[in-house]
Amino acid sequence: MKRTWAGEVRNVSLLVASAINTDGYREILGIFEGAREDKSGRSSFPRHLVDRGLSGIQLIISDACSGLVESIT
């Protein structure tokens, strides 16, 4: 995705966390925008979701973003 910061256009990535509720519908739990895909740039997103009460995670699907994979543990 393209994003403008201080008049400069840069590539950014988005992480989207979604879940299936008890009625079988998808819900967006959160969206995180960042310029880097490393562990330090990604570890705050799962932590933020857990701090907001997320629990009972049964499945994580990813494009193998190394920063996300490292931060999940």
PDB file of N, CA and C in Angstrom:
ATOM      1  N   MET A   1       0.846  -1.162   0.000  1.00  0.00           N
ATOM      2  CA  MET A   1       0.000   0.000   0.000  1.00  0.00           C
ATOM      3  C   MET A   1       0.899   1.235   0.000  1.00  0.00           C
ATOM      4  N   LYS A   2       0.483   2.273  -0.654  1.00  0.00           N
ATOM      5  CA  LYS A   2       1.233   3.532  -0.693  1.00  0.00           C
ATOM      6  C   LYS A   2       0.684   4.481   0.376  1.00  0.00           C
ATOM      7  N   ARG A   3       1.599   5.196   1.022  1.00  0.00           N
ATOM      8  CA  ARG A   3       1.223   6.129   2.081  1.00  0.00           C
ATOM      9  C   ARG A   3       2.081   7.366   1.970  1.00  0.00           C
ATOM     10  N   THR A   4       1.529   8.523   2.228  1.00  0.00           N
ATOM     11  CA  THR A   4       2.282   9.764   2.195  1.00  0.00           C
ATOM     12  C   THR A   4       2.642  10.184   3.616  1.00  0.00           C
ATOM     13  N   TRP A   5       3.944  10.335   3.865  1.00  0.00           N
ATOM     14  CA  TRP A   5       4.452  10.833   5.139  1.00  0.00           C
ATOM     15  C   TRP A   5       5.307  12.043   4.859  1.00  0.00           C
ATOM     16  N   ALA A   6       4.957  13.158   5.427  1.00  0.00           N
ATOM     17  CA  ALA A   6       5.726  14.400   5.283  1.00  0.00           C
ATOM     18  C   ALA A   6       5.991  14.731   3.822  1.00  0.00           C
ATOM     19  N   GLY A   7       4.980  14.549   2.988  1.00  0.00           N
ATOM     20  CA  GLY A   7       5.096  14.873   1.581  1.00  0.00           C
ATOM     21  C   GLY A   7       5.825  13.854   0.741  1.00  0.00           C
ATOM     22  N   GLU A   8       6.243  12.742   1.325  1.00  0.00           N
ATOM     23  CA  GLU A   8       6.965  11.699   0.608  1.00  0.00           C
ATOM     24  C   GLU A   8       6.107  10.433   0.555  1.00  0.00           C
ATOM     25  N   VAL A   9       5.997   9.841  -0.632  1.00  0.00           N
ATOM     26  CA  VAL A   9       5.216   8.616  -0.797  1.00  0.00           C
ATOM     27  C   VAL A   9       6.107   7.423  -0.500  1.00  0.00           C
ATOM     28  N   ARG A  10       5.627   6.547   0.400  1.00  0.00           N
ATOM     29  CA  ARG A  10       6.387   5.362   0.787  1.00  0.00           C
ATOM     30  C   ARG A  10       5.477   4.137   0.764  1.00  0.00           C
ATOM     31  N   ASN A  11       6.109   2.983   0.612  1.00  0.00           N
ATOM     32  CA  ASN A  11       5.381   1.728   0.728  1.00  0.00           C
ATOM     33  C   ASN A  11       5.202   1.403   2.209  1.00  0.00           C
ATOM     34  N   VAL A  12       4.023   0.963   2.560  1.00  0.00           N
ATOM     35  CA  VAL A  12       3.761   0.487   3.912  1.00  0.00           C
ATOM     36  C   VAL A  12       3.063  -0.860   3.802  1.00  0.00           C
ATOM     37  N   SER A  13       3.111  -1.603   4.864  1.00  0.00           N
ATOM     38  CA  SER A  13       2.411  -2.875   4.887  1.00  0.00           C
ATOM     39  C   SER A  13       1.307  -2.803   5.931  1.00  0.00           C
ATOM     40  N   LEU A  14       0.295  -3.616   5.751  1.00  0.00           N
ATOM     41  CA  LEU A  14      -0.821  -3.674   6.691  1.00  0.00           C
ATOM     42  C   LEU A  14      -0.973  -5.091   7.214  1.00  0.00           C
ATOM     43  N   LEU A  15      -1.146  -5.205   8.514  1.00  0.00           N
ATOM     44  CA  LEU A  15      -1.548  -6.466   9.130  1.00  0.00           C
ATOM     45  C   LEU A  15      -3.002  -6.316   9.522  1.00  0.00           C
ATOM     46  N   VAL A  16      -3.787  -7.301   9.204  1.00  0.00           N
ATOM     47  CA  VAL A  16      -5.197  -7.283   9.556  1.00  0.00           C
ATOM     48  C   VAL A  16      -5.491  -8.536  10.363  1.00  0.00           C
ATOM     49  N   ALA A  17      -6.052  -8.356  11.535  1.00  0.00           N
ATOM     50  CA  ALA A  17      -6.455  -9.487  12.362  1.00  0.00           C
ATOM     51  C   ALA A  17      -7.966  -9.614  12.275  1.00  0.00           C
ATOM     52  N   SER A  18      -8.419 -10.789  11.882  1.00  0.00           N
ATOM     53  CA  SER A  18      -9.859 -11.030  11.819  1.00  0.00           C
ATOM     54  C   SER A  18     -10.179 -12.308  12.570  1.00  0.00           C
ATOM     55  N   ALA A  19     -11.424 -12.457  12.903  1.00  0.00           N
ATOM     56  CA  ALA A  19     -11.864 -13.634  13.656  1.00  0.00           C
ATOM     57  C   ALA A  19     -13.250 -14.035  13.175  1.00  0.00           C
ATOM     58  N   ILE A  20     -13.605 -15.248  13.487  1.00  0.00           N
ATOM     59  CA  ILE A  20     -14.958 -15.737  13.208  1.00  0.00           C
ATOM     60  C   ILE A  20     -15.709 -15.722  14.535  1.00  0.00           C
ATOM     61  N   ASN A  21     -16.829 -15.012  14.569  1.00  0.00           N
ATOM     62  CA  ASN A  21     -17.576 -14.950  15.820  1.00  0.00           C
ATOM     63  C   ASN A  21     -18.460 -16.192  15.999  1.00  0.00           C
ATOM     64  N   THR A  22     -19.172 -16.252  17.092  1.00  0.00           N
ATOM     65  CA  THR A  22     -19.978 -17.434  17.404  1.00  0.00           C
ATOM     66  C   THR A  22     -21.132 -17.641  16.429  1.00  0.00           C
ATOM     67  N   ASP A  23     -21.503 -16.600  15.694  1.00  0.00           N
ATOM     68  CA  ASP A  23     -22.551 -16.721  14.678  1.00  0.00           C
ATOM     69  C   ASP A  23     -21.995 -17.101  13.309  1.00  0.00           C
ATOM     70  N   GLY A  24     -20.659 -17.257  13.222  1.00  0.00           N
ATOM     71  CA  GLY A  24     -20.029 -17.654  11.968  1.00  0.00           C
ATOM     72  C   GLY A  24     -19.665 -16.503  11.054  1.00  0.00           C
ATOM     73  N   TYR A  25     -19.733 -15.271  11.543  1.00  0.00           N
ATOM     74  CA  TYR A  25     -19.384 -14.104  10.738  1.00  0.00           C
ATOM     75  C   TYR A  25     -17.976 -13.617  11.071  1.00  0.00           C
ATOM     76  N   ARG A  26     -17.292 -13.121  10.040  1.00  0.00           N
ATOM     77  CA  ARG A  26     -15.956 -12.559  10.247  1.00  0.00           C
ATOM     78  C   ARG A  26     -16.057 -11.175  10.868  1.00  0.00           C
ATOM     79  N   GLU A  27     -15.130 -10.895  11.757  1.00  0.00           N
ATOM     80  CA  GLU A  27     -15.025  -9.570  12.374  1.00  0.00           C
ATOM     81  C   GLU A  27     -13.576  -9.118  12.296  1.00  0.00           C
ATOM     82  N   ILE A  28     -13.366  -7.832  12.032  1.00  0.00           N
ATOM     83  CA  ILE A  28     -12.026  -7.266  12.043  1.00  0.00           C
ATOM     84  C   ILE A  28     -11.682  -6.925  13.496  1.00  0.00           C
ATOM     85  N   LEU A  29     -10.584  -7.487  13.984  1.00  0.00           N
ATOM     86  CA  LEU A  29     -10.152  -7.224  15.352  1.00  0.00           C
ATOM     87  C   LEU A  29      -9.215  -6.036  15.435  1.00  0.00           C
ATOM     88  N   GLY A  30      -8.470  -5.804  14.362  1.00  0.00           N
ATOM     89  CA  GLY A  30      -7.544  -4.689  14.356  1.00  0.00           C
ATOM     90  C   GLY A  30      -6.777  -4.634  13.057  1.00  0.00           C
ATOM     91  N   ILE A  31      -6.231  -3.456  12.773  1.00  0.00           N
ATOM     92  CA  ILE A  31      -5.407  -3.238  11.593  1.00  0.00           C
ATOM     93  C   ILE A  31      -4.181  -2.456  12.041  1.00  0.00           C
ATOM     94  N   PHE A  32      -3.012  -2.906  11.596  1.00  0.00           N
ATOM     95  CA  PHE A  32      -1.756  -2.268  11.971  1.00  0.00           C
ATOM     96  C   PHE A  32      -1.021  -1.861  10.709  1.00  0.00           C
ATOM     97  N   GLU A  33      -0.589  -0.619  10.646  1.00  0.00           N
ATOM     98  CA  GLU A  33       0.163  -0.108   9.503  1.00  0.00           C
ATOM     99  C   GLU A  33       1.607   0.119   9.914  1.00  0.00           C
ATOM    100  N   GLY A  34       2.536  -0.313   9.084  1.00  0.00           N
ATOM    101  CA  GLY A  34       3.942  -0.104   9.404  1.00  0.00           C
ATOM    102  C   GLY A  34       4.791  -0.038   8.160  1.00  0.00           C
ATOM    103  N   ALA A  35       5.968   0.546   8.311  1.00  0.00           N
ATOM    104  CA  ALA A  35       6.879   0.677   7.175  1.00  0.00           C
ATOM    105  C   ALA A  35       7.838  -0.497   7.081  1.00  0.00           C
ATOM    106  N   ARG A  36       7.944  -1.284   8.159  1.00  0.00           N
ATOM    107  CA  ARG A  36       8.900  -2.388   8.174  1.00  0.00           C
ATOM    108  C   ARG A  36       8.184  -3.674   8.562  1.00  0.00           C
ATOM    109  N   GLU A  37       8.729  -4.795   8.102  1.00  0.00           N
ATOM    110  CA  GLU A  37       8.135  -6.095   8.420  1.00  0.00           C
ATOM    111  C   GLU A  37       9.022  -6.904   9.365  1.00  0.00           C
ATOM    112  N   ASP A  38       9.841  -6.235  10.177  1.00  0.00           N
ATOM    113  CA  ASP A  38      10.706  -6.956  11.096  1.00  0.00           C
ATOM    114  C   ASP A  38       9.998  -7.215  12.427  1.00  0.00           C
ATOM    115  N   LYS A  39      10.670  -7.937  13.304  1.00  0.00           N
ATOM    116  CA  LYS A  39      10.064  -8.311  14.586  1.00  0.00           C
ATOM    117  C   LYS A  39       9.693  -7.088  15.418  1.00  0.00           C
ATOM    118  N   SER A  40      10.575  -6.111  15.487  1.00  0.00           N
ATOM    119  CA  SER A  40      10.283  -4.934  16.310  1.00  0.00           C
ATOM    120  C   SER A  40       9.093  -4.151  15.771  1.00  0.00           C
ATOM    121  N   GLY A  41       8.939  -4.143  14.460  1.00  0.00           N
ATOM    122  CA  GLY A  41       7.819  -3.434  13.868  1.00  0.00           C
ATOM    123  C   GLY A  41       6.505  -4.175  13.957  1.00  0.00           C
ATOM    124  N   ARG A  42       6.555  -5.468  14.217  1.00  0.00           N
ATOM    125  CA  ARG A  42       5.348  -6.297  14.212  1.00  0.00           C
ATOM    126  C   ARG A  42       4.923  -6.821  15.582  1.00  0.00           C
ATOM    127  N   SER A  43       5.824  -6.851  16.542  1.00  0.00           N
ATOM    128  CA  SER A  43       5.486  -7.470  17.827  1.00  0.00           C
ATOM    129  C   SER A  43       4.457  -6.675  18.611  1.00  0.00           C
ATOM    130  N   SER A  44       4.336  -5.387  18.361  1.00  0.00           N
ATOM    131  CA  SER A  44       3.369  -4.584  19.110  1.00  0.00           C
ATOM    132  C   SER A  44       1.925  -4.895  18.715  1.00  0.00           C
ATOM    133  N   PHE A  45       1.700  -5.347  17.499  1.00  0.00           N
ATOM    134  CA  PHE A  45       0.318  -5.615  17.052  1.00  0.00           C
ATOM    135  C   PHE A  45      -0.316  -6.789  17.798  1.00  0.00           C
ATOM    136  N   PRO A  46       0.308  -7.981  17.826  1.00  0.00           N
ATOM    137  CA  PRO A  46      -0.292  -9.071  18.603  1.00  0.00           C
ATOM    138  C   PRO A  46      -0.399  -8.726  20.091  1.00  0.00           C
ATOM    139  N   ARG A  47       0.599  -8.024  20.631  1.00  0.00           N
ATOM    140  CA  ARG A  47       0.561  -7.626  22.042  1.00  0.00           C
ATOM    141  C   ARG A  47      -0.626  -6.709  22.297  1.00  0.00           C
ATOM    142  N   HIS A  48      -0.871  -5.776  21.394  1.00  0.00           N
ATOM    143  CA  HIS A  48      -2.008  -4.855  21.523  1.00  0.00           C
ATOM    144  C   HIS A  48      -3.329  -5.635  21.538  1.00  0.00           C
ATOM    145  N   LEU A  49      -3.460  -6.623  20.662  1.00  0.00           N
ATOM    146  CA  LEU A  49      -4.686  -7.419  20.620  1.00  0.00           C
ATOM    147  C   LEU A  49      -4.880  -8.213  21.913  1.00  0.00           C
ATOM    148  N   VAL A  50      -3.815  -8.795  22.421  1.00  0.00           N
ATOM    149  CA  VAL A  50      -3.901  -9.546  23.684  1.00  0.00           C
ATOM    150  C   VAL A  50      -4.235  -8.604  24.831  1.00  0.00           C
ATOM    151  N   ASP A  51      -3.611  -7.434  24.863  1.00  0.00           N
ATOM    152  CA  ASP A  51      -3.895  -6.455  25.917  1.00  0.00           C
ATOM    153  C   ASP A  51      -5.353  -5.988  25.882  1.00  0.00           C
ATOM    154  N   ARG A  52      -5.975  -6.026  24.703  1.00  0.00           N
ATOM    155  CA  ARG A  52      -7.386  -5.654  24.570  1.00  0.00           C
ATOM    156  C   ARG A  52      -8.313  -6.810  24.906  1.00  0.00           C
ATOM    157  N   GLY A  53      -7.756  -7.988  25.240  1.00  0.00           N
ATOM    158  CA  GLY A  53      -8.585  -9.100  25.681  1.00  0.00           C
ATOM    159  C   GLY A  53      -8.639 -10.287  24.751  1.00  0.00           C
ATOM    160  N   LEU A  54      -7.878 -10.276  23.666  1.00  0.00           N
ATOM    161  CA  LEU A  54      -7.882 -11.404  22.745  1.00  0.00           C
ATOM    162  C   LEU A  54      -7.313 -12.639  23.434  1.00  0.00           C
ATOM    163  N   SER A  55      -8.017 -13.733  23.336  1.00  0.00           N
ATOM    164  CA  SER A  55      -7.533 -14.999  23.895  1.00  0.00           C
ATOM    165  C   SER A  55      -8.135 -16.141  23.089  1.00  0.00           C
ATOM    166  N   GLY A  56      -7.646 -17.333  23.331  1.00  0.00           N
ATOM    167  CA  GLY A  56      -8.202 -18.499  22.649  1.00  0.00           C
ATOM    168  C   GLY A  56      -7.846 -18.584  21.183  1.00  0.00           C
ATOM    169  N   ILE A  57      -6.688 -18.079  20.808  1.00  0.00           N
ATOM    170  CA  ILE A  57      -6.259 -18.116  19.406  1.00  0.00           C
ATOM    171  C   ILE A  57      -6.033 -19.571  19.001  1.00  0.00           C
ATOM    172  N   GLN A  58      -6.673 -19.976  17.920  1.00  0.00           N
ATOM    173  CA  GLN A  58      -6.554 -21.344  17.454  1.00  0.00           C
ATOM    174  C   GLN A  58      -5.832 -21.465  16.120  1.00  0.00           C
ATOM    175  N   LEU A  59      -5.751 -20.389  15.350  1.00  0.00           N
ATOM    176  CA  LEU A  59      -5.152 -20.456  14.024  1.00  0.00           C
ATOM    177  C   LEU A  59      -4.613 -19.093  13.641  1.00  0.00           C
ATOM    178  N   ILE A  60      -3.415 -19.077  13.094  1.00  0.00           N
ATOM    179  CA  ILE A  60      -2.838 -17.851  12.547  1.00  0.00           C
ATOM    180  C   ILE A  60      -2.429 -18.156  11.112  1.00  0.00           C
ATOM    181  N   ILE A  61      -2.885 -17.334  10.176  1.00  0.00           N
ATOM    182  CA  ILE A  61      -2.546 -17.490   8.769  1.00  0.00           C
ATOM    183  C   ILE A  61      -1.735 -16.265   8.370  1.00  0.00           C
ATOM    184  N   SER A  62      -0.601 -16.505   7.738  1.00  0.00           N
ATOM    185  CA  SER A  62       0.297 -15.415   7.388  1.00  0.00           C
ATOM    186  C   SER A  62       0.957 -15.712   6.048  1.00  0.00           C
ATOM    187  N   ASP A  63       1.525 -14.668   5.457  1.00  0.00           N
ATOM    188  CA  ASP A  63       2.308 -14.833   4.232  1.00  0.00           C
ATOM    189  C   ASP A  63       3.771 -15.101   4.563  1.00  0.00           C
ATOM    190  N   ALA A  64       4.034 -15.607   5.748  1.00  0.00           N
ATOM    191  CA  ALA A  64       5.387 -15.931   6.225  1.00  0.00           C
ATOM    192  C   ALA A  64       6.244 -14.698   6.453  1.00  0.00           C
ATOM    193  N   CYS A  65       5.633 -13.611   6.778  1.00  0.00           N
ATOM    194  CA  CYS A  65       6.370 -12.414   7.169  1.00  0.00           C
ATOM    195  C   CYS A  65       7.227 -12.763   8.384  1.00  0.00           C
ATOM    196  N   SER A  66       8.524 -12.727   8.219  1.00  0.00           N
ATOM    197  CA  SER A  66       9.420 -13.208   9.276  1.00  0.00           C
ATOM    198  C   SER A  66       9.218 -12.450  10.584  1.00  0.00           C
ATOM    199  N   GLY A  67       8.969 -11.160  10.528  1.00  0.00           N
ATOM    200  CA  GLY A  67       8.747 -10.383  11.748  1.00  0.00           C
ATOM    201  C   GLY A  67       7.508 -10.838  12.490  1.00  0.00           C
ATOM    202  N   LEU A  68       6.467 -11.166  11.783  1.00  0.00           N
ATOM    203  CA  LEU A  68       5.239 -11.634  12.426  1.00  0.00           C
ATOM    204  C   LEU A  68       5.436 -13.025  12.999  1.00  0.00           C
ATOM    205  N   VAL A  69       6.071 -13.892  12.242  1.00  0.00           N
ATOM    206  CA  VAL A  69       6.309 -15.265  12.705  1.00  0.00           C
ATOM    207  C   VAL A  69       7.137 -15.228  13.993  1.00  0.00           C
ATOM    208  N   GLU A  70       8.165 -14.393  14.046  1.00  0.00           N
ATOM    209  CA  GLU A  70       8.992 -14.289  15.247  1.00  0.00           C
ATOM    210  C   GLU A  70       8.220 -13.708  16.423  1.00  0.00           C
ATOM    211  N   SER A  71       7.355 -12.752  16.186  1.00  0.00           N
ATOM    212  CA  SER A  71       6.659 -12.088  17.289  1.00  0.00           C
ATOM    213  C   SER A  71       5.517 -12.934  17.861  1.00  0.00           C
ATOM    214  N   ILE A  72       5.022 -13.894  17.132  1.00  0.00           N
ATOM    215  CA  ILE A  72       3.922 -14.732  17.611  1.00  0.00           C
ATOM    216  C   ILE A  72       4.340 -15.553  18.819  1.00  0.00           C
ATOM    217  N   THR A  73       5.559 -16.056  18.808  1.00  0.00           N
ATOM    218  CA  THR A  73       6.017 -16.859  19.939  1.00  0.00           C
ATOM    219  C   THR A  73       6.129 -16.029  21.182  1.00  0.00           C
TER     220      THR A  73
END
